[in-house]
Amino acid sequence: KKNKSIQNLLSILIVSFLGLSVAG
């Protein structure tokens, strides 16, 4: 459960940084 949650958190962070990069 912890490993899957970490994988999901990393996915959200990657998409967030991608979105901020495109916006910038």
PDBML (XML) file of the C-alpha atoms, coordinates in Angstrom:
<?xml version="1.0" encoding="UTF-8" ?>
<PDBx:datablock datablockName="MODEL"
   xmlns:PDBx="http://pdbml.pdb.org/schema/pdbx-v50.xsd"
   xmlns:xsi="http://www.w3.org/2001/XMLSchema-instance"
   xsi:schemaLocation="http://pdbml.pdb.org/schema/pdbx-v50.xsd pdbx-v50.xsd">
   <PDBx:atom_siteCategory>
      <PDBx:atom_site id="1">
         <PDBx:B_iso_or_equiv>0.00</PDBx:B_iso_or_equiv>
         <PDBx:Cartn_x>0.000</PDBx:Cartn_x>
         <PDBx:Cartn_y>0.000</PDBx:Cartn_y>
         <PDBx:Cartn_z>0.000</PDBx:Cartn_z>
         <PDBx:auth_asym_id>A</PDBx:auth_asym_id>
         <PDBx:auth_atom_id>CA</PDBx:auth_atom_id>
         <PDBx:auth_comp_id>LYS</PDBx:auth_comp_id>
         <PDBx:auth_seq_id>1</PDBx:auth_seq_id>
         <PDBx:group_PDB>ATOM</PDBx:group_PDB>
         <PDBx:label_alt_id xsi:nil="true" />
         <PDBx:label_asym_id>A</PDBx:label_asym_id>
         <PDBx:label_atom_id>CA</PDBx:label_atom_id>
         <PDBx:label_comp_id>LYS</PDBx:label_comp_id>
         <PDBx:label_entity_id>1</PDBx:label_entity_id>
         <PDBx:label_seq_id>1</PDBx:label_seq_id>
         <PDBx:occupancy>1.00</PDBx:occupancy>
         <PDBx:pdbx_PDB_model_num>1</PDBx:pdbx_PDB_model_num>
         <PDBx:type_symbol>C</PDBx:type_symbol>
      </PDBx:atom_site>
      <PDBx:atom_site id="2">
         <PDBx:B_iso_or_equiv>0.00</PDBx:B_iso_or_equiv>
         <PDBx:Cartn_x>2.851</PDBx:Cartn_x>
         <PDBx:Cartn_y>2.375</PDBx:Cartn_y>
         <PDBx:Cartn_z>0.881</PDBx:Cartn_z>
         <PDBx:auth_asym_id>A</PDBx:auth_asym_id>
         <PDBx:auth_atom_id>CA</PDBx:auth_atom_id>
         <PDBx:auth_comp_id>LYS</PDBx:auth_comp_id>
         <PDBx:auth_seq_id>2</PDBx:auth_seq_id>
         <PDBx:group_PDB>ATOM</PDBx:group_PDB>
         <PDBx:label_alt_id xsi:nil="true" />
         <PDBx:label_asym_id>A</PDBx:label_asym_id>
         <PDBx:label_atom_id>CA</PDBx:label_atom_id>
         <PDBx:label_comp_id>LYS</PDBx:label_comp_id>
         <PDBx:label_entity_id>1</PDBx:label_entity_id>
         <PDBx:label_seq_id>2</PDBx:label_seq_id>
         <PDBx:occupancy>1.00</PDBx:occupancy>
         <PDBx:pdbx_PDB_model_num>1</PDBx:pdbx_PDB_model_num>
         <PDBx:type_symbol>C</PDBx:type_symbol>
      </PDBx:atom_site>
      <PDBx:atom_site id="3">
         <PDBx:B_iso_or_equiv>0.00</PDBx:B_iso_or_equiv>
         <PDBx:Cartn_x>4.760</PDBx:Cartn_x>
         <PDBx:Cartn_y>1.577</PDBx:Cartn_y>
         <PDBx:Cartn_z>-2.328</PDBx:Cartn_z>
         <PDBx:auth_asym_id>A</PDBx:auth_asym_id>
         <PDBx:auth_atom_id>CA</PDBx:auth_atom_id>
         <PDBx:auth_comp_id>ASN</PDBx:auth_comp_id>
         <PDBx:auth_seq_id>3</PDBx:auth_seq_id>
         <PDBx:group_PDB>ATOM</PDBx:group_PDB>
         <PDBx:label_alt_id xsi:nil="true" />
         <PDBx:label_asym_id>A</PDBx:label_asym_id>
         <PDBx:label_atom_id>CA</PDBx:label_atom_id>
         <PDBx:label_comp_id>ASN</PDBx:label_comp_id>
         <PDBx:label_entity_id>1</PDBx:label_entity_id>
         <PDBx:label_seq_id>3</PDBx:label_seq_id>
         <PDBx:occupancy>1.00</PDBx:occupancy>
         <PDBx:pdbx_PDB_model_num>1</PDBx:pdbx_PDB_model_num>
         <PDBx:type_symbol>C</PDBx:type_symbol>
      </PDBx:atom_site>
      <PDBx:atom_site id="4">
         <PDBx:B_iso_or_equiv>0.00</PDBx:B_iso_or_equiv>
         <PDBx:Cartn_x>1.699</PDBx:Cartn_x>
         <PDBx:Cartn_y>2.188</PDBx:Cartn_y>
         <PDBx:Cartn_z>-4.490</PDBx:Cartn_z>
         <PDBx:auth_asym_id>A</PDBx:auth_asym_id>
         <PDBx:auth_atom_id>CA</PDBx:auth_atom_id>
         <PDBx:auth_comp_id>LYS</PDBx:auth_comp_id>
         <PDBx:auth_seq_id>4</PDBx:auth_seq_id>
         <PDBx:group_PDB>ATOM</PDBx:group_PDB>
         <PDBx:label_alt_id xsi:nil="true" />
         <PDBx:label_asym_id>A</PDBx:label_asym_id>
         <PDBx:label_atom_id>CA</PDBx:label_atom_id>
         <PDBx:label_comp_id>LYS</PDBx:label_comp_id>
         <PDBx:label_entity_id>1</PDBx:label_entity_id>
         <PDBx:label_seq_id>4</PDBx:label_seq_id>
         <PDBx:occupancy>1.00</PDBx:occupancy>
         <PDBx:pdbx_PDB_model_num>1</PDBx:pdbx_PDB_model_num>
         <PDBx:type_symbol>C</PDBx:type_symbol>
      </PDBx:atom_site>
      <PDBx:atom_site id="5">
         <PDBx:B_iso_or_equiv>0.00</PDBx:B_iso_or_equiv>
         <PDBx:Cartn_x>0.967</PDBx:Cartn_x>
         <PDBx:Cartn_y>5.459</PDBx:Cartn_y>
         <PDBx:Cartn_z>-2.684</PDBx:Cartn_z>
         <PDBx:auth_asym_id>A</PDBx:auth_asym_id>
         <PDBx:auth_atom_id>CA</PDBx:auth_atom_id>
         <PDBx:auth_comp_id>SER</PDBx:auth_comp_id>
         <PDBx:auth_seq_id>5</PDBx:auth_seq_id>
         <PDBx:group_PDB>ATOM</PDBx:group_PDB>
         <PDBx:label_alt_id xsi:nil="true" />
         <PDBx:label_asym_id>A</PDBx:label_asym_id>
         <PDBx:label_atom_id>CA</PDBx:label_atom_id>
         <PDBx:label_comp_id>SER</PDBx:label_comp_id>
         <PDBx:label_entity_id>1</PDBx:label_entity_id>
         <PDBx:label_seq_id>5</PDBx:label_seq_id>
         <PDBx:occupancy>1.00</PDBx:occupancy>
         <PDBx:pdbx_PDB_model_num>1</PDBx:pdbx_PDB_model_num>
         <PDBx:type_symbol>C</PDBx:type_symbol>
      </PDBx:atom_site>
      <PDBx:atom_site id="6">
         <PDBx:B_iso_or_equiv>0.00</PDBx:B_iso_or_equiv>
         <PDBx:Cartn_x>4.560</PDBx:Cartn_x>
         <PDBx:Cartn_y>6.613</PDBx:Cartn_y>
         <PDBx:Cartn_z>-3.245</PDBx:Cartn_z>
         <PDBx:auth_asym_id>A</PDBx:auth_asym_id>
         <PDBx:auth_atom_id>CA</PDBx:auth_atom_id>
         <PDBx:auth_comp_id>ILE</PDBx:auth_comp_id>
         <PDBx:auth_seq_id>6</PDBx:auth_seq_id>
         <PDBx:group_PDB>ATOM</PDBx:group_PDB>
         <PDBx:label_alt_id xsi:nil="true" />
         <PDBx:label_asym_id>A</PDBx:label_asym_id>
         <PDBx:label_atom_id>CA</PDBx:label_atom_id>
         <PDBx:label_comp_id>ILE</PDBx:label_comp_id>
         <PDBx:label_entity_id>1</PDBx:label_entity_id>
         <PDBx:label_seq_id>6</PDBx:label_seq_id>
         <PDBx:occupancy>1.00</PDBx:occupancy>
         <PDBx:pdbx_PDB_model_num>1</PDBx:pdbx_PDB_model_num>
         <PDBx:type_symbol>C</PDBx:type_symbol>
      </PDBx:atom_site>
      <PDBx:atom_site id="7">
         <PDBx:B_iso_or_equiv>0.00</PDBx:B_iso_or_equiv>
         <PDBx:Cartn_x>4.272</PDBx:Cartn_x>
         <PDBx:Cartn_y>5.747</PDBx:Cartn_y>
         <PDBx:Cartn_z>-6.945</PDBx:Cartn_z>
         <PDBx:auth_asym_id>A</PDBx:auth_asym_id>
         <PDBx:auth_atom_id>CA</PDBx:auth_atom_id>
         <PDBx:auth_comp_id>GLN</PDBx:auth_comp_id>
         <PDBx:auth_seq_id>7</PDBx:auth_seq_id>
         <PDBx:group_PDB>ATOM</PDBx:group_PDB>
         <PDBx:label_alt_id xsi:nil="true" />
         <PDBx:label_asym_id>A</PDBx:label_asym_id>
         <PDBx:label_atom_id>CA</PDBx:label_atom_id>
         <PDBx:label_comp_id>GLN</PDBx:label_comp_id>
         <PDBx:label_entity_id>1</PDBx:label_entity_id>
         <PDBx:label_seq_id>7</PDBx:label_seq_id>
         <PDBx:occupancy>1.00</PDBx:occupancy>
         <PDBx:pdbx_PDB_model_num>1</PDBx:pdbx_PDB_model_num>
         <PDBx:type_symbol>C</PDBx:type_symbol>
      </PDBx:atom_site>
      <PDBx:atom_site id="8">
         <PDBx:B_iso_or_equiv>0.00</PDBx:B_iso_or_equiv>
         <PDBx:Cartn_x>1.050</PDBx:Cartn_x>
         <PDBx:Cartn_y>7.780</PDBx:Cartn_y>
         <PDBx:Cartn_z>-7.182</PDBx:Cartn_z>
         <PDBx:auth_asym_id>A</PDBx:auth_asym_id>
         <PDBx:auth_atom_id>CA</PDBx:auth_atom_id>
         <PDBx:auth_comp_id>ASN</PDBx:auth_comp_id>
         <PDBx:auth_seq_id>8</PDBx:auth_seq_id>
         <PDBx:group_PDB>ATOM</PDBx:group_PDB>
         <PDBx:label_alt_id xsi:nil="true" />
         <PDBx:label_asym_id>A</PDBx:label_asym_id>
         <PDBx:label_atom_id>CA</PDBx:label_atom_id>
         <PDBx:label_comp_id>ASN</PDBx:label_comp_id>
         <PDBx:label_entity_id>1</PDBx:label_entity_id>
         <PDBx:label_seq_id>8</PDBx:label_seq_id>
         <PDBx:occupancy>1.00</PDBx:occupancy>
         <PDBx:pdbx_PDB_model_num>1</PDBx:pdbx_PDB_model_num>
         <PDBx:type_symbol>C</PDBx:type_symbol>
      </PDBx:atom_site>
      <PDBx:atom_site id="9">
         <PDBx:B_iso_or_equiv>0.00</PDBx:B_iso_or_equiv>
         <PDBx:Cartn_x>2.622</PDBx:Cartn_x>
         <PDBx:Cartn_y>10.726</PDBx:Cartn_y>
         <PDBx:Cartn_z>-5.339</PDBx:Cartn_z>
         <PDBx:auth_asym_id>A</PDBx:auth_asym_id>
         <PDBx:auth_atom_id>CA</PDBx:auth_atom_id>
         <PDBx:auth_comp_id>LEU</PDBx:auth_comp_id>
         <PDBx:auth_seq_id>9</PDBx:auth_seq_id>
         <PDBx:group_PDB>ATOM</PDBx:group_PDB>
         <PDBx:label_alt_id xsi:nil="true" />
         <PDBx:label_asym_id>A</PDBx:label_asym_id>
         <PDBx:label_atom_id>CA</PDBx:label_atom_id>
         <PDBx:label_comp_id>LEU</PDBx:label_comp_id>
         <PDBx:label_entity_id>1</PDBx:label_entity_id>
         <PDBx:label_seq_id>9</PDBx:label_seq_id>
         <PDBx:occupancy>1.00</PDBx:occupancy>
         <PDBx:pdbx_PDB_model_num>1</PDBx:pdbx_PDB_model_num>
         <PDBx:type_symbol>C</PDBx:type_symbol>
      </PDBx:atom_site>
      <PDBx:atom_site id="10">
         <PDBx:B_iso_or_equiv>0.00</PDBx:B_iso_or_equiv>
         <PDBx:Cartn_x>5.595</PDBx:Cartn_x>
         <PDBx:Cartn_y>10.702</PDBx:Cartn_y>
         <PDBx:Cartn_z>-7.705</PDBx:Cartn_z>
         <PDBx:auth_asym_id>A</PDBx:auth_asym_id>
         <PDBx:auth_atom_id>CA</PDBx:auth_atom_id>
         <PDBx:auth_comp_id>LEU</PDBx:auth_comp_id>
         <PDBx:auth_seq_id>10</PDBx:auth_seq_id>
         <PDBx:group_PDB>ATOM</PDBx:group_PDB>
         <PDBx:label_alt_id xsi:nil="true" />
         <PDBx:label_asym_id>A</PDBx:label_asym_id>
         <PDBx:label_atom_id>CA</PDBx:label_atom_id>
         <PDBx:label_comp_id>LEU</PDBx:label_comp_id>
         <PDBx:label_entity_id>1</PDBx:label_entity_id>
         <PDBx:label_seq_id>10</PDBx:label_seq_id>
         <PDBx:occupancy>1.00</PDBx:occupancy>
         <PDBx:pdbx_PDB_model_num>1</PDBx:pdbx_PDB_model_num>
         <PDBx:type_symbol>C</PDBx:type_symbol>
      </PDBx:atom_site>
      <PDBx:atom_site id="11">
         <PDBx:B_iso_or_equiv>0.00</PDBx:B_iso_or_equiv>
         <PDBx:Cartn_x>3.222</PDBx:Cartn_x>
         <PDBx:Cartn_y>10.684</PDBx:Cartn_y>
         <PDBx:Cartn_z>-10.697</PDBx:Cartn_z>
         <PDBx:auth_asym_id>A</PDBx:auth_asym_id>
         <PDBx:auth_atom_id>CA</PDBx:auth_atom_id>
         <PDBx:auth_comp_id>SER</PDBx:auth_comp_id>
         <PDBx:auth_seq_id>11</PDBx:auth_seq_id>
         <PDBx:group_PDB>ATOM</PDBx:group_PDB>
         <PDBx:label_alt_id xsi:nil="true" />
         <PDBx:label_asym_id>A</PDBx:label_asym_id>
         <PDBx:label_atom_id>CA</PDBx:label_atom_id>
         <PDBx:label_comp_id>SER</PDBx:label_comp_id>
         <PDBx:label_entity_id>1</PDBx:label_entity_id>
         <PDBx:label_seq_id>11</PDBx:label_seq_id>
         <PDBx:occupancy>1.00</PDBx:occupancy>
         <PDBx:pdbx_PDB_model_num>1</PDBx:pdbx_PDB_model_num>
         <PDBx:type_symbol>C</PDBx:type_symbol>
      </PDBx:atom_site>
      <PDBx:atom_site id="12">
         <PDBx:B_iso_or_equiv>0.00</PDBx:B_iso_or_equiv>
         <PDBx:Cartn_x>1.379</PDBx:Cartn_x>
         <PDBx:Cartn_y>13.708</PDBx:Cartn_y>
         <PDBx:Cartn_z>-9.320</PDBx:Cartn_z>
         <PDBx:auth_asym_id>A</PDBx:auth_asym_id>
         <PDBx:auth_atom_id>CA</PDBx:auth_atom_id>
         <PDBx:auth_comp_id>ILE</PDBx:auth_comp_id>
         <PDBx:auth_seq_id>12</PDBx:auth_seq_id>
         <PDBx:group_PDB>ATOM</PDBx:group_PDB>
         <PDBx:label_alt_id xsi:nil="true" />
         <PDBx:label_asym_id>A</PDBx:label_asym_id>
         <PDBx:label_atom_id>CA</PDBx:label_atom_id>
         <PDBx:label_comp_id>ILE</PDBx:label_comp_id>
         <PDBx:label_entity_id>1</PDBx:label_entity_id>
         <PDBx:label_seq_id>12</PDBx:label_seq_id>
         <PDBx:occupancy>1.00</PDBx:occupancy>
         <PDBx:pdbx_PDB_model_num>1</PDBx:pdbx_PDB_model_num>
         <PDBx:type_symbol>C</PDBx:type_symbol>
      </PDBx:atom_site>
      <PDBx:atom_site id="13">
         <PDBx:B_iso_or_equiv>0.00</PDBx:B_iso_or_equiv>
         <PDBx:Cartn_x>4.648</PDBx:Cartn_x>
         <PDBx:Cartn_y>15.553</PDBx:Cartn_y>
         <PDBx:Cartn_z>-8.679</PDBx:Cartn_z>
         <PDBx:auth_asym_id>A</PDBx:auth_asym_id>
         <PDBx:auth_atom_id>CA</PDBx:auth_atom_id>
         <PDBx:auth_comp_id>LEU</PDBx:auth_comp_id>
         <PDBx:auth_seq_id>13</PDBx:auth_seq_id>
         <PDBx:group_PDB>ATOM</PDBx:group_PDB>
         <PDBx:label_alt_id xsi:nil="true" />
         <PDBx:label_asym_id>A</PDBx:label_asym_id>
         <PDBx:label_atom_id>CA</PDBx:label_atom_id>
         <PDBx:label_comp_id>LEU</PDBx:label_comp_id>
         <PDBx:label_entity_id>1</PDBx:label_entity_id>
         <PDBx:label_seq_id>13</PDBx:label_seq_id>
         <PDBx:occupancy>1.00</PDBx:occupancy>
         <PDBx:pdbx_PDB_model_num>1</PDBx:pdbx_PDB_model_num>
         <PDBx:type_symbol>C</PDBx:type_symbol>
      </PDBx:atom_site>
      <PDBx:atom_site id="14">
         <PDBx:B_iso_or_equiv>0.00</PDBx:B_iso_or_equiv>
         <PDBx:Cartn_x>5.925</PDBx:Cartn_x>
         <PDBx:Cartn_y>14.814</PDBx:Cartn_y>
         <PDBx:Cartn_z>-12.192</PDBx:Cartn_z>
         <PDBx:auth_asym_id>A</PDBx:auth_asym_id>
         <PDBx:auth_atom_id>CA</PDBx:auth_atom_id>
         <PDBx:auth_comp_id>ILE</PDBx:auth_comp_id>
         <PDBx:auth_seq_id>14</PDBx:auth_seq_id>
         <PDBx:group_PDB>ATOM</PDBx:group_PDB>
         <PDBx:label_alt_id xsi:nil="true" />
         <PDBx:label_asym_id>A</PDBx:label_asym_id>
         <PDBx:label_atom_id>CA</PDBx:label_atom_id>
         <PDBx:label_comp_id>ILE</PDBx:label_comp_id>
         <PDBx:label_entity_id>1</PDBx:label_entity_id>
         <PDBx:label_seq_id>14</PDBx:label_seq_id>
         <PDBx:occupancy>1.00</PDBx:occupancy>
         <PDBx:pdbx_PDB_model_num>1</PDBx:pdbx_PDB_model_num>
         <PDBx:type_symbol>C</PDBx:type_symbol>
      </PDBx:atom_site>
      <PDBx:atom_site id="15">
         <PDBx:B_iso_or_equiv>0.00</PDBx:B_iso_or_equiv>
         <PDBx:Cartn_x>2.709</PDBx:Cartn_x>
         <PDBx:Cartn_y>16.095</PDBx:Cartn_y>
         <PDBx:Cartn_z>-13.788</PDBx:Cartn_z>
         <PDBx:auth_asym_id>A</PDBx:auth_asym_id>
         <PDBx:auth_atom_id>CA</PDBx:auth_atom_id>
         <PDBx:auth_comp_id>VAL</PDBx:auth_comp_id>
         <PDBx:auth_seq_id>15</PDBx:auth_seq_id>
         <PDBx:group_PDB>ATOM</PDBx:group_PDB>
         <PDBx:label_alt_id xsi:nil="true" />
         <PDBx:label_asym_id>A</PDBx:label_asym_id>
         <PDBx:label_atom_id>CA</PDBx:label_atom_id>
         <PDBx:label_comp_id>VAL</PDBx:label_comp_id>
         <PDBx:label_entity_id>1</PDBx:label_entity_id>
         <PDBx:label_seq_id>15</PDBx:label_seq_id>
         <PDBx:occupancy>1.00</PDBx:occupancy>
         <PDBx:pdbx_PDB_model_num>1</PDBx:pdbx_PDB_model_num>
         <PDBx:type_symbol>C</PDBx:type_symbol>
      </PDBx:atom_site>
      <PDBx:atom_site id="16">
         <PDBx:B_iso_or_equiv>0.00</PDBx:B_iso_or_equiv>
         <PDBx:Cartn_x>2.798</PDBx:Cartn_x>
         <PDBx:Cartn_y>19.172</PDBx:Cartn_y>
         <PDBx:Cartn_z>-11.533</PDBx:Cartn_z>
         <PDBx:auth_asym_id>A</PDBx:auth_asym_id>
         <PDBx:auth_atom_id>CA</PDBx:auth_atom_id>
         <PDBx:auth_comp_id>SER</PDBx:auth_comp_id>
         <PDBx:auth_seq_id>16</PDBx:auth_seq_id>
         <PDBx:group_PDB>ATOM</PDBx:group_PDB>
         <PDBx:label_alt_id xsi:nil="true" />
         <PDBx:label_asym_id>A</PDBx:label_asym_id>
         <PDBx:label_atom_id>CA</PDBx:label_atom_id>
         <PDBx:label_comp_id>SER</PDBx:label_comp_id>
         <PDBx:label_entity_id>1</PDBx:label_entity_id>
         <PDBx:label_seq_id>16</PDBx:label_seq_id>
         <PDBx:occupancy>1.00</PDBx:occupancy>
         <PDBx:pdbx_PDB_model_num>1</PDBx:pdbx_PDB_model_num>
         <PDBx:type_symbol>C</PDBx:type_symbol>
      </PDBx:atom_site>
      <PDBx:atom_site id="17">
         <PDBx:B_iso_or_equiv>0.00</PDBx:B_iso_or_equiv>
         <PDBx:Cartn_x>6.362</PDBx:Cartn_x>
         <PDBx:Cartn_y>20.032</PDBx:Cartn_y>
         <PDBx:Cartn_z>-12.509</PDBx:Cartn_z>
         <PDBx:auth_asym_id>A</PDBx:auth_asym_id>
         <PDBx:auth_atom_id>CA</PDBx:auth_atom_id>
         <PDBx:auth_comp_id>PHE</PDBx:auth_comp_id>
         <PDBx:auth_seq_id>17</PDBx:auth_seq_id>
         <PDBx:group_PDB>ATOM</PDBx:group_PDB>
         <PDBx:label_alt_id xsi:nil="true" />
         <PDBx:label_asym_id>A</PDBx:label_asym_id>
         <PDBx:label_atom_id>CA</PDBx:label_atom_id>
         <PDBx:label_comp_id>PHE</PDBx:label_comp_id>
         <PDBx:label_entity_id>1</PDBx:label_entity_id>
         <PDBx:label_seq_id>17</PDBx:label_seq_id>
         <PDBx:occupancy>1.00</PDBx:occupancy>
         <PDBx:pdbx_PDB_model_num>1</PDBx:pdbx_PDB_model_num>
         <PDBx:type_symbol>C</PDBx:type_symbol>
      </PDBx:atom_site>
      <PDBx:atom_site id="18">
         <PDBx:B_iso_or_equiv>0.00</PDBx:B_iso_or_equiv>
         <PDBx:Cartn_x>5.516</PDBx:Cartn_x>
         <PDBx:Cartn_y>19.448</PDBx:Cartn_y>
         <PDBx:Cartn_z>-16.171</PDBx:Cartn_z>
         <PDBx:auth_asym_id>A</PDBx:auth_asym_id>
         <PDBx:auth_atom_id>CA</PDBx:auth_atom_id>
         <PDBx:auth_comp_id>LEU</PDBx:auth_comp_id>
         <PDBx:auth_seq_id>18</PDBx:auth_seq_id>
         <PDBx:group_PDB>ATOM</PDBx:group_PDB>
         <PDBx:label_alt_id xsi:nil="true" />
         <PDBx:label_asym_id>A</PDBx:label_asym_id>
         <PDBx:label_atom_id>CA</PDBx:label_atom_id>
         <PDBx:label_comp_id>LEU</PDBx:label_comp_id>
         <PDBx:label_entity_id>1</PDBx:label_entity_id>
         <PDBx:label_seq_id>18</PDBx:label_seq_id>
         <PDBx:occupancy>1.00</PDBx:occupancy>
         <PDBx:pdbx_PDB_model_num>1</PDBx:pdbx_PDB_model_num>
         <PDBx:type_symbol>C</PDBx:type_symbol>
      </PDBx:atom_site>
      <PDBx:atom_site id="19">
         <PDBx:B_iso_or_equiv>0.00</PDBx:B_iso_or_equiv>
         <PDBx:Cartn_x>2.512</PDBx:Cartn_x>
         <PDBx:Cartn_y>21.773</PDBx:Cartn_y>
         <PDBx:Cartn_z>-15.886</PDBx:Cartn_z>
         <PDBx:auth_asym_id>A</PDBx:auth_asym_id>
         <PDBx:auth_atom_id>CA</PDBx:auth_atom_id>
         <PDBx:auth_comp_id>GLY</PDBx:auth_comp_id>
         <PDBx:auth_seq_id>19</PDBx:auth_seq_id>
         <PDBx:group_PDB>ATOM</PDBx:group_PDB>
         <PDBx:label_alt_id xsi:nil="true" />
         <PDBx:label_asym_id>A</PDBx:label_asym_id>
         <PDBx:label_atom_id>CA</PDBx:label_atom_id>
         <PDBx:label_comp_id>GLY</PDBx:label_comp_id>
         <PDBx:label_entity_id>1</PDBx:label_entity_id>
         <PDBx:label_seq_id>19</PDBx:label_seq_id>
         <PDBx:occupancy>1.00</PDBx:occupancy>
         <PDBx:pdbx_PDB_model_num>1</PDBx:pdbx_PDB_model_num>
         <PDBx:type_symbol>C</PDBx:type_symbol>
      </PDBx:atom_site>
      <PDBx:atom_site id="20">
         <PDBx:B_iso_or_equiv>0.00</PDBx:B_iso_or_equiv>
         <PDBx:Cartn_x>4.552</PDBx:Cartn_x>
         <PDBx:Cartn_y>24.462</PDBx:Cartn_y>
         <PDBx:Cartn_z>-14.139</PDBx:Cartn_z>
         <PDBx:auth_asym_id>A</PDBx:auth_asym_id>
         <PDBx:auth_atom_id>CA</PDBx:auth_atom_id>
         <PDBx:auth_comp_id>LEU</PDBx:auth_comp_id>
         <PDBx:auth_seq_id>20</PDBx:auth_seq_id>
         <PDBx:group_PDB>ATOM</PDBx:group_PDB>
         <PDBx:label_alt_id xsi:nil="true" />
         <PDBx:label_asym_id>A</PDBx:label_asym_id>
         <PDBx:label_atom_id>CA</PDBx:label_atom_id>
         <PDBx:label_comp_id>LEU</PDBx:label_comp_id>
         <PDBx:label_entity_id>1</PDBx:label_entity_id>
         <PDBx:label_seq_id>20</PDBx:label_seq_id>
         <PDBx:occupancy>1.00</PDBx:occupancy>
         <PDBx:pdbx_PDB_model_num>1</PDBx:pdbx_PDB_model_num>
         <PDBx:type_symbol>C</PDBx:type_symbol>
      </PDBx:atom_site>
      <PDBx:atom_site id="21">
         <PDBx:B_iso_or_equiv>0.00</PDBx:B_iso_or_equiv>
         <PDBx:Cartn_x>7.294</PDBx:Cartn_x>
         <PDBx:Cartn_y>24.148</PDBx:Cartn_y>
         <PDBx:Cartn_z>-16.758</PDBx:Cartn_z>
         <PDBx:auth_asym_id>A</PDBx:auth_asym_id>
         <PDBx:auth_atom_id>CA</PDBx:auth_atom_id>
         <PDBx:auth_comp_id>SER</PDBx:auth_comp_id>
         <PDBx:auth_seq_id>21</PDBx:auth_seq_id>
         <PDBx:group_PDB>ATOM</PDBx:group_PDB>
         <PDBx:label_alt_id xsi:nil="true" />
         <PDBx:label_asym_id>A</PDBx:label_asym_id>
         <PDBx:label_atom_id>CA</PDBx:label_atom_id>
         <PDBx:label_comp_id>SER</PDBx:label_comp_id>
         <PDBx:label_entity_id>1</PDBx:label_entity_id>
         <PDBx:label_seq_id>21</PDBx:label_seq_id>
         <PDBx:occupancy>1.00</PDBx:occupancy>
         <PDBx:pdbx_PDB_model_num>1</PDBx:pdbx_PDB_model_num>
         <PDBx:type_symbol>C</PDBx:type_symbol>
      </PDBx:atom_site>
      <PDBx:atom_site id="22">
         <PDBx:B_iso_or_equiv>0.00</PDBx:B_iso_or_equiv>
         <PDBx:Cartn_x>4.817</PDBx:Cartn_x>
         <PDBx:Cartn_y>24.578</PDBx:Cartn_y>
         <PDBx:Cartn_z>-19.612</PDBx:Cartn_z>
         <PDBx:auth_asym_id>A</PDBx:auth_asym_id>
         <PDBx:auth_atom_id>CA</PDBx:auth_atom_id>
         <PDBx:auth_comp_id>VAL</PDBx:auth_comp_id>
         <PDBx:auth_seq_id>22</PDBx:auth_seq_id>
         <PDBx:group_PDB>ATOM</PDBx:group_PDB>
         <PDBx:label_alt_id xsi:nil="true" />
         <PDBx:label_asym_id>A</PDBx:label_asym_id>
         <PDBx:label_atom_id>CA</PDBx:label_atom_id>
         <PDBx:label_comp_id>VAL</PDBx:label_comp_id>
         <PDBx:label_entity_id>1</PDBx:label_entity_id>
         <PDBx:label_seq_id>22</PDBx:label_seq_id>
         <PDBx:occupancy>1.00</PDBx:occupancy>
         <PDBx:pdbx_PDB_model_num>1</PDBx:pdbx_PDB_model_num>
         <PDBx:type_symbol>C</PDBx:type_symbol>
      </PDBx:atom_site>
      <PDBx:atom_site id="23">
         <PDBx:B_iso_or_equiv>0.00</PDBx:B_iso_or_equiv>
         <PDBx:Cartn_x>3.114</PDBx:Cartn_x>
         <PDBx:Cartn_y>27.504</PDBx:Cartn_y>
         <PDBx:Cartn_z>-17.844</PDBx:Cartn_z>
         <PDBx:auth_asym_id>A</PDBx:auth_asym_id>
         <PDBx:auth_atom_id>CA</PDBx:auth_atom_id>
         <PDBx:auth_comp_id>ALA</PDBx:auth_comp_id>
         <PDBx:auth_seq_id>23</PDBx:auth_seq_id>
         <PDBx:group_PDB>ATOM</PDBx:group_PDB>
         <PDBx:label_alt_id xsi:nil="true" />
         <PDBx:label_asym_id>A</PDBx:label_asym_id>
         <PDBx:label_atom_id>CA</PDBx:label_atom_id>
         <PDBx:label_comp_id>ALA</PDBx:label_comp_id>
         <PDBx:label_entity_id>1</PDBx:label_entity_id>
         <PDBx:label_seq_id>23</PDBx:label_seq_id>
         <PDBx:occupancy>1.00</PDBx:occupancy>
         <PDBx:pdbx_PDB_model_num>1</PDBx:pdbx_PDB_model_num>
         <PDBx:type_symbol>C</PDBx:type_symbol>
      </PDBx:atom_site>
      <PDBx:atom_site id="24">
         <PDBx:B_iso_or_equiv>0.00</PDBx:B_iso_or_equiv>
         <PDBx:Cartn_x>6.488</PDBx:Cartn_x>
         <PDBx:Cartn_y>29.152</PDBx:Cartn_y>
         <PDBx:Cartn_z>-17.267</PDBx:Cartn_z>
         <PDBx:auth_asym_id>A</PDBx:auth_asym_id>
         <PDBx:auth_atom_id>CA</PDBx:auth_atom_id>
         <PDBx:auth_comp_id>GLY</PDBx:auth_comp_id>
         <PDBx:auth_seq_id>24</PDBx:auth_seq_id>
         <PDBx:group_PDB>ATOM</PDBx:group_PDB>
         <PDBx:label_alt_id xsi:nil="true" />
         <PDBx:label_asym_id>A</PDBx:label_asym_id>
         <PDBx:label_atom_id>CA</PDBx:label_atom_id>
         <PDBx:label_comp_id>GLY</PDBx:label_comp_id>
         <PDBx:label_entity_id>1</PDBx:label_entity_id>
         <PDBx:label_seq_id>24</PDBx:label_seq_id>
         <PDBx:occupancy>1.00</PDBx:occupancy>
         <PDBx:pdbx_PDB_model_num>1</PDBx:pdbx_PDB_model_num>
         <PDBx:type_symbol>C</PDBx:type_symbol>
      </PDBx:atom_site>
   </PDBx:atom_siteCategory>
</PDBx:datablock>
